[in-house]
N, C-alpha and C. Protein backbone atom coordinates (compact mmCIF):
# COMPACT_ATOMS: atom_id res chain seq x y z
N ASN A 1 -6.67 -233.93 -31.15
CA ASN A 1 -6.59 -232.94 -32.21
C ASN A 1 -5.21 -232.29 -32.23
N GLN A 2 -5.01 -231.35 -33.10
CA GLN A 2 -3.68 -230.75 -33.26
C GLN A 2 -3.25 -229.97 -32.02
N LEU A 3 -4.18 -229.41 -31.30
CA LEU A 3 -3.81 -228.65 -30.11
C LEU A 3 -3.49 -229.56 -28.92
N SER A 4 -4.30 -230.58 -28.73
CA SER A 4 -4.10 -231.44 -27.56
C SER A 4 -3.01 -232.48 -27.76
N ALA A 5 -2.63 -232.76 -28.99
CA ALA A 5 -1.63 -233.79 -29.27
C ALA A 5 -0.28 -233.46 -28.65
N LEU A 6 0.03 -232.20 -28.53
CA LEU A 6 1.33 -231.80 -27.99
C LEU A 6 1.30 -231.56 -26.49
N GLY A 7 0.13 -231.63 -25.89
CA GLY A 7 0.01 -231.38 -24.46
C GLY A 7 0.15 -232.63 -23.62
N THR A 8 0.10 -232.42 -22.33
CA THR A 8 0.21 -233.54 -21.40
C THR A 8 -1.03 -233.68 -20.54
N GLY A 9 -2.11 -233.02 -20.94
CA GLY A 9 -3.35 -233.08 -20.17
C GLY A 9 -4.06 -234.40 -20.35
N PRO A 10 -5.12 -234.61 -19.57
CA PRO A 10 -5.87 -235.87 -19.68
C PRO A 10 -6.62 -235.95 -21.01
N VAL A 11 -6.88 -237.17 -21.44
CA VAL A 11 -7.63 -237.36 -22.67
C VAL A 11 -9.10 -237.07 -22.41
N SER A 12 -9.84 -236.78 -23.48
CA SER A 12 -11.27 -236.49 -23.35
C SER A 12 -12.03 -237.79 -23.06
N LYS A 13 -13.21 -237.64 -22.52
CA LYS A 13 -14.06 -238.82 -22.24
C LYS A 13 -14.45 -239.53 -23.54
N ILE A 14 -14.65 -238.77 -24.60
CA ILE A 14 -15.02 -239.36 -25.89
C ILE A 14 -13.88 -240.22 -26.43
N TYR A 15 -12.65 -239.71 -26.41
CA TYR A 15 -11.49 -240.47 -26.87
C TYR A 15 -11.33 -241.73 -26.02
N PHE A 16 -11.45 -241.57 -24.74
CA PHE A 16 -11.28 -242.68 -23.81
C PHE A 16 -12.32 -243.77 -24.10
N ALA A 17 -13.59 -243.38 -24.29
CA ALA A 17 -14.66 -244.35 -24.55
C ALA A 17 -14.46 -245.03 -25.91
N LYS A 18 -14.05 -244.27 -26.93
CA LYS A 18 -13.82 -244.85 -28.26
C LYS A 18 -12.66 -245.83 -28.25
N LYS A 19 -11.58 -245.45 -27.61
CA LYS A 19 -10.35 -246.24 -27.62
C LYS A 19 -10.54 -247.59 -26.95
N LEU A 20 -11.25 -247.62 -25.86
CA LEU A 20 -11.39 -248.87 -25.10
C LEU A 20 -12.54 -249.73 -25.58
N ARG A 21 -13.48 -249.16 -26.31
CA ARG A 21 -14.61 -249.91 -26.90
C ARG A 21 -15.29 -250.83 -25.89
N GLY A 22 -15.60 -250.34 -24.72
CA GLY A 22 -16.33 -251.10 -23.73
C GLY A 22 -15.50 -252.11 -22.94
N GLN A 23 -14.21 -252.15 -23.14
CA GLN A 23 -13.35 -253.09 -22.41
C GLN A 23 -13.01 -252.52 -21.03
N ALA A 24 -12.65 -253.40 -20.15
CA ALA A 24 -12.23 -252.95 -18.83
C ALA A 24 -10.96 -252.11 -18.95
N ALA A 25 -10.94 -250.96 -18.30
CA ALA A 25 -9.81 -250.04 -18.40
C ALA A 25 -8.84 -250.28 -17.25
N THR A 26 -7.88 -251.15 -17.47
CA THR A 26 -6.85 -251.37 -16.46
C THR A 26 -5.61 -250.57 -16.85
N LEU A 27 -4.77 -250.30 -15.88
CA LEU A 27 -3.53 -249.59 -16.18
C LEU A 27 -2.66 -250.39 -17.15
N GLU A 28 -2.64 -251.69 -17.00
CA GLU A 28 -1.85 -252.55 -17.89
C GLU A 28 -2.37 -252.45 -19.33
N ARG A 29 -3.68 -252.50 -19.50
CA ARG A 29 -4.27 -252.41 -20.83
C ARG A 29 -3.97 -251.06 -21.48
N LEU A 30 -4.06 -249.99 -20.70
CA LEU A 30 -3.76 -248.66 -21.22
C LEU A 30 -2.28 -248.54 -21.60
N ARG A 31 -1.39 -249.10 -20.80
CA ARG A 31 0.04 -249.06 -21.08
C ARG A 31 0.35 -249.81 -22.37
N VAL A 32 -0.19 -251.01 -22.50
CA VAL A 32 0.04 -251.82 -23.69
C VAL A 32 -0.52 -251.12 -24.93
N ASP A 33 -1.73 -250.57 -24.80
CA ASP A 33 -2.34 -249.87 -25.92
C ASP A 33 -1.50 -248.68 -26.35
N ARG A 34 -0.98 -247.94 -25.40
CA ARG A 34 -0.16 -246.75 -25.72
C ARG A 34 1.13 -247.15 -26.43
N GLN A 35 1.75 -248.22 -25.98
CA GLN A 35 3.00 -248.66 -26.60
C GLN A 35 2.76 -249.19 -28.02
N LEU A 36 1.69 -249.93 -28.21
CA LEU A 36 1.37 -250.44 -29.55
C LEU A 36 0.99 -249.28 -30.47
N GLU A 37 0.23 -248.33 -29.96
CA GLU A 37 -0.14 -247.16 -30.76
C GLU A 37 1.09 -246.37 -31.21
N GLU A 38 2.07 -246.25 -30.33
CA GLU A 38 3.33 -245.57 -30.68
C GLU A 38 4.04 -246.32 -31.80
N ALA A 39 4.05 -247.65 -31.71
CA ALA A 39 4.70 -248.47 -32.74
C ALA A 39 3.98 -248.36 -34.07
N LEU A 40 2.66 -248.28 -34.04
CA LEU A 40 1.89 -248.15 -35.28
C LEU A 40 2.05 -246.75 -35.89
N THR A 41 2.16 -245.74 -35.05
CA THR A 41 2.24 -244.36 -35.52
C THR A 41 3.63 -244.01 -36.05
N HIS A 42 4.65 -244.39 -35.32
CA HIS A 42 6.01 -244.01 -35.68
C HIS A 42 6.80 -245.11 -36.39
N GLY A 43 6.14 -246.19 -36.70
CA GLY A 43 6.80 -247.29 -37.38
C GLY A 43 7.31 -248.31 -36.38
N PRO A 44 7.40 -249.56 -36.81
CA PRO A 44 7.81 -250.64 -35.92
C PRO A 44 9.31 -250.66 -35.67
N ASP A 45 9.80 -249.66 -34.95
CA ASP A 45 11.22 -249.53 -34.65
C ASP A 45 11.47 -249.87 -33.18
N PRO A 46 12.07 -251.02 -32.88
CA PRO A 46 12.27 -251.40 -31.48
C PRO A 46 13.18 -250.43 -30.72
N LEU A 47 14.14 -249.81 -31.39
CA LEU A 47 15.01 -248.85 -30.69
C LEU A 47 14.22 -247.63 -30.23
N HIS A 48 13.31 -247.16 -31.07
CA HIS A 48 12.46 -246.02 -30.70
C HIS A 48 11.59 -246.39 -29.50
N LEU A 49 10.97 -247.55 -29.55
CA LEU A 49 10.10 -247.98 -28.45
C LEU A 49 10.88 -248.13 -27.15
N ALA A 50 12.06 -248.71 -27.23
CA ALA A 50 12.89 -248.89 -26.03
C ALA A 50 13.28 -247.54 -25.45
N ALA A 51 13.60 -246.58 -26.31
CA ALA A 51 14.02 -245.26 -25.83
C ALA A 51 12.85 -244.48 -25.24
N VAL A 52 11.70 -244.53 -25.89
CA VAL A 52 10.55 -243.74 -25.43
C VAL A 52 9.97 -244.30 -24.13
N PHE A 53 9.86 -245.62 -24.04
CA PHE A 53 9.18 -246.23 -22.90
C PHE A 53 10.12 -246.90 -21.91
N GLY A 54 11.41 -246.93 -22.21
CA GLY A 54 12.35 -247.59 -21.31
C GLY A 54 12.13 -249.10 -21.26
N LEU A 55 11.77 -249.67 -22.40
CA LEU A 55 11.48 -251.10 -22.46
C LEU A 55 12.75 -251.93 -22.55
N ASP A 56 12.65 -253.15 -22.10
CA ASP A 56 13.68 -254.15 -22.30
C ASP A 56 13.76 -254.41 -23.82
N PRO A 57 14.95 -254.62 -24.37
CA PRO A 57 15.06 -254.83 -25.82
C PRO A 57 14.16 -255.95 -26.36
N LYS A 58 14.03 -257.05 -25.63
CA LYS A 58 13.17 -258.15 -26.10
C LYS A 58 11.71 -257.72 -26.16
N THR A 59 11.27 -256.94 -25.18
CA THR A 59 9.90 -256.45 -25.17
C THR A 59 9.68 -255.48 -26.32
N ALA A 60 10.64 -254.59 -26.56
CA ALA A 60 10.52 -253.63 -27.66
C ALA A 60 10.45 -254.36 -29.00
N ILE A 61 11.23 -255.41 -29.16
CA ILE A 61 11.20 -256.20 -30.40
C ILE A 61 9.83 -256.85 -30.57
N ARG A 62 9.28 -257.36 -29.50
CA ARG A 62 7.97 -258.01 -29.56
C ARG A 62 6.89 -257.00 -29.99
N TYR A 63 6.89 -255.81 -29.40
CA TYR A 63 5.92 -254.78 -29.78
C TYR A 63 6.11 -254.36 -31.24
N ALA A 64 7.34 -254.21 -31.66
CA ALA A 64 7.62 -253.81 -33.03
C ALA A 64 7.13 -254.88 -34.01
N GLU A 65 7.35 -256.14 -33.69
CA GLU A 65 6.89 -257.22 -34.56
C GLU A 65 5.37 -257.26 -34.64
N ASN A 66 4.68 -257.07 -33.51
CA ASN A 66 3.22 -257.03 -33.53
C ASN A 66 2.72 -255.87 -34.38
N ALA A 67 3.36 -254.71 -34.27
CA ALA A 67 2.97 -253.55 -35.07
C ALA A 67 3.22 -253.83 -36.55
N ARG A 68 4.33 -254.47 -36.86
CA ARG A 68 4.67 -254.79 -38.25
C ARG A 68 3.59 -255.69 -38.86
N VAL A 69 3.14 -256.68 -38.12
CA VAL A 69 2.09 -257.59 -38.60
C VAL A 69 0.78 -256.83 -38.81
N LEU A 70 0.42 -255.98 -37.86
CA LEU A 70 -0.81 -255.20 -37.99
C LEU A 70 -0.75 -254.24 -39.18
N LEU A 71 0.39 -253.61 -39.38
CA LEU A 71 0.54 -252.70 -40.50
C LEU A 71 0.47 -253.44 -41.84
N ALA A 72 1.08 -254.62 -41.92
CA ALA A 72 1.06 -255.41 -43.15
C ALA A 72 -0.37 -255.88 -43.45
N THR A 73 -1.08 -256.30 -42.43
CA THR A 73 -2.46 -256.75 -42.61
C THR A 73 -3.33 -255.60 -43.09
N ALA A 74 -3.16 -254.43 -42.48
CA ALA A 74 -3.94 -253.26 -42.88
C ALA A 74 -3.63 -252.87 -44.32
N ALA A 75 -2.38 -252.96 -44.72
CA ALA A 75 -1.99 -252.62 -46.09
C ALA A 75 -2.60 -253.60 -47.09
N GLU A 76 -2.62 -254.87 -46.74
CA GLU A 76 -3.21 -255.87 -47.63
C GLU A 76 -4.71 -255.66 -47.79
N GLU A 77 -5.38 -255.27 -46.69
CA GLU A 77 -6.83 -255.05 -46.75
C GLU A 77 -7.17 -253.82 -47.59
N GLN A 78 -6.28 -252.85 -47.67
CA GLN A 78 -6.54 -251.63 -48.42
C GLN A 78 -6.10 -251.71 -49.88
N ASP A 79 -5.42 -252.77 -50.28
CA ASP A 79 -4.92 -252.92 -51.65
C ASP A 79 -5.82 -253.91 -52.39
N PRO A 80 -6.83 -253.42 -53.13
CA PRO A 80 -7.76 -254.33 -53.79
C PRO A 80 -7.10 -255.19 -54.86
N ALA A 81 -6.02 -254.74 -55.47
CA ALA A 81 -5.34 -255.54 -56.50
C ALA A 81 -4.72 -256.78 -55.89
N ARG A 82 -4.09 -256.65 -54.74
CA ARG A 82 -3.44 -257.80 -54.10
C ARG A 82 -4.46 -258.77 -53.52
N ARG A 83 -5.60 -258.25 -53.09
CA ARG A 83 -6.60 -259.10 -52.45
C ARG A 83 -7.15 -260.14 -53.43
N ASP A 84 -7.25 -259.77 -54.71
CA ASP A 84 -7.84 -260.67 -55.71
C ASP A 84 -6.83 -261.60 -56.36
N GLU A 85 -5.53 -261.39 -56.09
CA GLU A 85 -4.51 -262.25 -56.67
C GLU A 85 -4.58 -263.63 -56.08
N PRO A 86 -4.40 -264.67 -56.90
CA PRO A 86 -4.38 -266.03 -56.35
C PRO A 86 -3.13 -266.26 -55.52
N LYS A 87 -3.26 -267.08 -54.53
CA LYS A 87 -2.12 -267.42 -53.65
C LYS A 87 -1.26 -268.47 -54.33
N GLY A 88 0.03 -268.47 -54.06
CA GLY A 88 0.92 -269.48 -54.61
C GLY A 88 1.63 -268.98 -55.86
N ARG A 89 2.32 -269.89 -56.53
CA ARG A 89 3.10 -269.52 -57.74
C ARG A 89 2.17 -269.32 -58.93
N ASN A 90 2.49 -268.33 -59.71
CA ASN A 90 1.77 -268.08 -60.95
C ASN A 90 2.66 -268.56 -62.08
N GLY A 91 2.42 -269.75 -62.56
CA GLY A 91 3.23 -270.32 -63.62
C GLY A 91 2.71 -269.94 -64.99
N PRO A 92 3.52 -270.15 -66.04
CA PRO A 92 3.08 -269.84 -67.41
C PRO A 92 2.04 -270.80 -67.91
């Protein structure tokens, strides 16, 4: 929420349970999820990811590209006009 977003305290049990959706909670999975969430929230900017998490540039680019694909897919799913358009060239 707005109050806890700026803090550094632990996440609630409800958030934790929702976020992992029954998956095994490993430190690696939590780290990857946090980095991808940052890329989805602040935009797929590899420089931002590298600065925030101290990532290698190649790793930051990979996360940014994954976020870009997820954001594009989400945008296509929410745009009903584009969903019904035929694929390929529209000739006269």
